[in-house]
Amino acid sequence: MIGNLTYFLLFVVTTFLLFIFLYARYSRFQSDISAKQGDVRDLEEKNQRRIEALKEQIRLKRMEAQSLGQKLDALRRDVGL
């Protein structure tokens, strides 16, 4: 009887330790995922700001190109081409 009780307690303790280990791994996994999600959000925000800045640069370059085109047309008209 004592032997069976000892084995049962050993089983219970081993099972308990296994669940503690698995819970610790799961918690670490969840915290890693949360940290990576935060990093991804930061990168997305940074990329979005960069995209907006590039769009603004493109808009300015287009305006500059239009201005230069108008100046070129005016010079052509002055020269008579």
N, C-alpha and C. Protein backbone atom coordinates (compact mmCIF):
# COMPACT_ATOMS: atom_id res chain seq x y z
N MET A 1 0.82 -1.19 0.00
CA MET A 1 0.00 0.00 0.00
C MET A 1 0.87 1.26 0.00
N ILE A 2 1.93 1.27 0.82
CA ILE A 2 2.81 2.43 0.89
C ILE A 2 3.50 2.63 -0.46
N GLY A 3 3.88 1.54 -1.12
CA GLY A 3 4.54 1.64 -2.41
C GLY A 3 3.63 2.27 -3.45
N ASN A 4 2.36 1.86 -3.47
CA ASN A 4 1.40 2.43 -4.42
C ASN A 4 1.18 3.91 -4.16
N LEU A 5 1.10 4.29 -2.89
CA LEU A 5 0.91 5.69 -2.53
C LEU A 5 2.12 6.52 -2.95
N THR A 6 3.31 5.94 -2.75
CA THR A 6 4.55 6.63 -3.14
C THR A 6 4.58 6.85 -4.65
N TYR A 7 4.24 5.83 -5.41
CA TYR A 7 4.22 5.97 -6.86
C TYR A 7 3.16 6.98 -7.31
N PHE A 8 2.02 6.95 -6.65
CA PHE A 8 0.97 7.90 -6.98
C PHE A 8 1.42 9.34 -6.71
N LEU A 9 2.03 9.57 -5.56
CA LEU A 9 2.53 10.90 -5.22
C LEU A 9 3.63 11.33 -6.19
N LEU A 10 4.49 10.40 -6.56
CA LEU A 10 5.54 10.69 -7.54
C LEU A 10 4.91 11.09 -8.88
N PHE A 11 3.87 10.37 -9.28
CA PHE A 11 3.16 10.70 -10.51
C PHE A 11 2.53 12.09 -10.43
N VAL A 12 1.88 12.39 -9.30
CA VAL A 12 1.23 13.69 -9.12
C VAL A 12 2.27 14.81 -9.16
N VAL A 13 3.38 14.64 -8.46
CA VAL A 13 4.41 15.67 -8.42
C VAL A 13 5.04 15.84 -9.80
N THR A 14 5.31 14.74 -10.48
CA THR A 14 5.89 14.81 -11.82
C THR A 14 4.94 15.51 -12.79
N THR A 15 3.66 15.16 -12.72
CA THR A 15 2.66 15.79 -13.58
C THR A 15 2.56 17.28 -13.27
N PHE A 16 2.58 17.63 -12.00
CA PHE A 16 2.53 19.03 -11.59
C PHE A 16 3.74 19.80 -12.13
N LEU A 17 4.92 19.22 -12.01
CA LEU A 17 6.13 19.87 -12.52
C LEU A 17 6.08 20.01 -14.04
N LEU A 18 5.54 19.00 -14.71
CA LEU A 18 5.40 19.07 -16.16
C LEU A 18 4.47 20.22 -16.56
N PHE A 19 3.34 20.36 -15.86
CA PHE A 19 2.42 21.45 -16.17
C PHE A 19 3.04 22.81 -15.87
N ILE A 20 3.81 22.90 -14.80
CA ILE A 20 4.50 24.16 -14.50
C ILE A 20 5.48 24.50 -15.62
N PHE A 21 6.24 23.51 -16.06
CA PHE A 21 7.19 23.71 -17.15
C PHE A 21 6.48 24.15 -18.42
N LEU A 22 5.40 23.46 -18.77
CA LEU A 22 4.67 23.81 -19.98
C LEU A 22 4.05 25.20 -19.89
N TYR A 23 3.54 25.56 -18.72
CA TYR A 23 2.97 26.89 -18.54
C TYR A 23 4.05 27.96 -18.67
N ALA A 24 5.22 27.69 -18.12
CA ALA A 24 6.33 28.65 -18.23
C ALA A 24 6.74 28.82 -19.69
N ARG A 25 6.81 27.74 -20.43
CA ARG A 25 7.16 27.83 -21.86
C ARG A 25 6.09 28.60 -22.64
N TYR A 26 4.83 28.32 -22.32
CA TYR A 26 3.73 29.01 -22.98
C TYR A 26 3.77 30.51 -22.67
N SER A 27 4.02 30.86 -21.43
CA SER A 27 4.10 32.27 -21.04
C SER A 27 5.25 32.97 -21.76
N ARG A 28 6.38 32.30 -21.84
CA ARG A 28 7.53 32.88 -22.54
C ARG A 28 7.21 33.05 -24.02
N PHE A 29 6.57 32.05 -24.59
CA PHE A 29 6.18 32.11 -26.00
C PHE A 29 5.24 33.29 -26.23
N GLN A 30 4.24 33.46 -25.36
CA GLN A 30 3.30 34.56 -25.49
C GLN A 30 3.99 35.92 -25.35
N SER A 31 4.93 36.03 -24.42
CA SER A 31 5.63 37.30 -24.25
C SER A 31 6.52 37.59 -25.46
N ASP A 32 7.14 36.55 -26.03
CA ASP A 32 7.93 36.75 -27.25
C ASP A 32 7.06 37.23 -28.40
N ILE A 33 5.88 36.64 -28.53
CA ILE A 33 4.96 37.05 -29.59
C ILE A 33 4.52 38.49 -29.38
N SER A 34 4.20 38.84 -28.15
CA SER A 34 3.78 40.21 -27.87
C SER A 34 4.89 41.21 -28.20
N ALA A 35 6.11 40.87 -27.84
CA ALA A 35 7.24 41.75 -28.14
C ALA A 35 7.43 41.90 -29.64
N LYS A 36 7.31 40.79 -30.37
CA LYS A 36 7.47 40.85 -31.83
C LYS A 36 6.34 41.63 -32.48
N GLN A 37 5.12 41.51 -31.93
CA GLN A 37 4.01 42.28 -32.47
C GLN A 37 4.25 43.77 -32.28
N GLY A 38 4.80 44.13 -31.12
CA GLY A 38 5.14 45.53 -30.89
C GLY A 38 6.18 46.02 -31.86
N ASP A 39 7.18 45.18 -32.12
CA ASP A 39 8.22 45.55 -33.09
C ASP A 39 7.64 45.72 -34.49
N VAL A 40 6.72 44.83 -34.84
CA VAL A 40 6.10 44.90 -36.17
C VAL A 40 5.27 46.18 -36.29
N ARG A 41 4.53 46.53 -35.22
CA ARG A 41 3.75 47.76 -35.25
C ARG A 41 4.65 48.98 -35.42
N ASP A 42 5.77 48.98 -34.70
CA ASP A 42 6.71 50.09 -34.82
C ASP A 42 7.26 50.19 -36.25
N LEU A 43 7.60 49.04 -36.83
CA LEU A 43 8.11 49.04 -38.20
C LEU A 43 7.05 49.51 -39.19
N GLU A 44 5.80 49.08 -38.96
CA GLU A 44 4.72 49.51 -39.86
C GLU A 44 4.53 51.02 -39.79
N GLU A 45 4.57 51.57 -38.58
CA GLU A 45 4.43 53.02 -38.43
C GLU A 45 5.60 53.75 -39.10
N LYS A 46 6.79 53.23 -38.90
CA LYS A 46 7.97 53.84 -39.51
C LYS A 46 7.87 53.79 -41.04
N ASN A 47 7.46 52.64 -41.56
CA ASN A 47 7.31 52.50 -43.02
C ASN A 47 6.22 53.42 -43.55
N GLN A 48 5.13 53.56 -42.80
CA GLN A 48 4.05 54.44 -43.24
C GLN A 48 4.52 55.89 -43.29
N ARG A 49 5.28 56.31 -42.27
CA ARG A 49 5.82 57.67 -42.29
C ARG A 49 6.77 57.85 -43.47
N ARG A 50 7.58 56.85 -43.74
CA ARG A 50 8.52 56.92 -44.87
C ARG A 50 7.77 57.00 -46.20
N ILE A 51 6.71 56.22 -46.33
CA ILE A 51 5.89 56.25 -47.55
C ILE A 51 5.30 57.64 -47.74
N GLU A 52 4.78 58.22 -46.66
CA GLU A 52 4.20 59.56 -46.77
C GLU A 52 5.26 60.58 -47.17
N ALA A 53 6.45 60.47 -46.60
CA ALA A 53 7.54 61.39 -46.95
C ALA A 53 7.92 61.22 -48.42
N LEU A 54 7.98 59.98 -48.89
CA LEU A 54 8.32 59.73 -50.30
C LEU A 54 7.23 60.25 -51.23
N LYS A 55 5.97 60.10 -50.83
CA LYS A 55 4.87 60.64 -51.65
C LYS A 55 5.00 62.15 -51.76
N GLU A 56 5.34 62.79 -50.66
CA GLU A 56 5.52 64.24 -50.68
C GLU A 56 6.69 64.63 -51.58
N GLN A 57 7.78 63.89 -51.52
CA GLN A 57 8.92 64.16 -52.39
C GLN A 57 8.55 63.99 -53.86
N ILE A 58 7.78 62.96 -54.15
CA ILE A 58 7.34 62.72 -55.53
C ILE A 58 6.47 63.88 -56.00
N ARG A 59 5.55 64.32 -55.13
CA ARG A 59 4.68 65.43 -55.49
C ARG A 59 5.50 66.69 -55.79
N LEU A 60 6.49 66.96 -54.94
CA LEU A 60 7.34 68.13 -55.15
C LEU A 60 8.15 68.01 -56.44
N LYS A 61 8.68 66.82 -56.72
CA LYS A 61 9.45 66.62 -57.95
C LYS A 61 8.57 66.79 -59.18
N ARG A 62 7.32 66.32 -59.11
CA ARG A 62 6.40 66.50 -60.24
C ARG A 62 6.11 67.98 -60.48
N MET A 63 5.90 68.70 -59.37
CA MET A 63 5.66 70.14 -59.51
C MET A 63 6.88 70.83 -60.11
N GLU A 64 8.06 70.42 -59.67
CA GLU A 64 9.30 70.98 -60.20
C GLU A 64 9.44 70.66 -61.69
N ALA A 65 9.11 69.42 -62.06
CA ALA A 65 9.20 69.03 -63.47
C ALA A 65 8.21 69.83 -64.31
N GLN A 66 6.99 70.05 -63.80
CA GLN A 66 6.01 70.86 -64.53
C GLN A 66 6.53 72.29 -64.71
N SER A 67 7.10 72.83 -63.64
CA SER A 67 7.64 74.19 -63.71
C SER A 67 8.75 74.28 -64.75
N LEU A 68 9.65 73.30 -64.72
CA LEU A 68 10.74 73.29 -65.70
C LEU A 68 10.21 73.11 -67.12
N GLY A 69 9.18 72.29 -67.27
CA GLY A 69 8.56 72.10 -68.58
C GLY A 69 7.95 73.38 -69.10
N GLN A 70 7.29 74.11 -68.21
CA GLN A 70 6.69 75.39 -68.61
C GLN A 70 7.77 76.39 -69.00
N LYS A 71 8.86 76.41 -68.24
CA LYS A 71 9.98 77.31 -68.58
C LYS A 71 10.58 76.92 -69.93
N LEU A 72 10.72 75.62 -70.17
CA LEU A 72 11.27 75.15 -71.44
C LEU A 72 10.35 75.54 -72.59
N ASP A 73 9.04 75.38 -72.39
CA ASP A 73 8.08 75.78 -73.43
C ASP A 73 8.17 77.28 -73.71
N ALA A 74 8.32 78.07 -72.65
CA ALA A 74 8.45 79.52 -72.83
C ALA A 74 9.72 79.86 -73.59
N LEU A 75 10.82 79.19 -73.28
CA LEU A 75 12.07 79.42 -74.01
C LEU A 75 11.94 79.01 -75.46
N ARG A 76 11.25 77.91 -75.74
CA ARG A 76 11.05 77.46 -77.12
C ARG A 76 10.23 78.50 -77.89
N ARG A 77 9.20 79.03 -77.22
CA ARG A 77 8.38 80.05 -77.89
C ARG A 77 9.20 81.30 -78.18
N ASP A 78 10.06 81.66 -77.21
CA ASP A 78 10.89 82.85 -77.41
C ASP A 78 11.88 82.66 -78.56
N VAL A 79 12.43 81.45 -78.66
CA VAL A 79 13.39 81.16 -79.72
C VAL A 79 12.67 80.97 -81.05
N GLY A 80 11.43 80.54 -80.99
CA GLY A 80 10.66 80.35 -82.22
C GLY A 80 10.64 78.92 -82.68
N LEU A 81 10.85 77.95 -81.79
CA LEU A 81 10.81 76.54 -82.20
C LEU A 81 9.43 76.00 -82.11
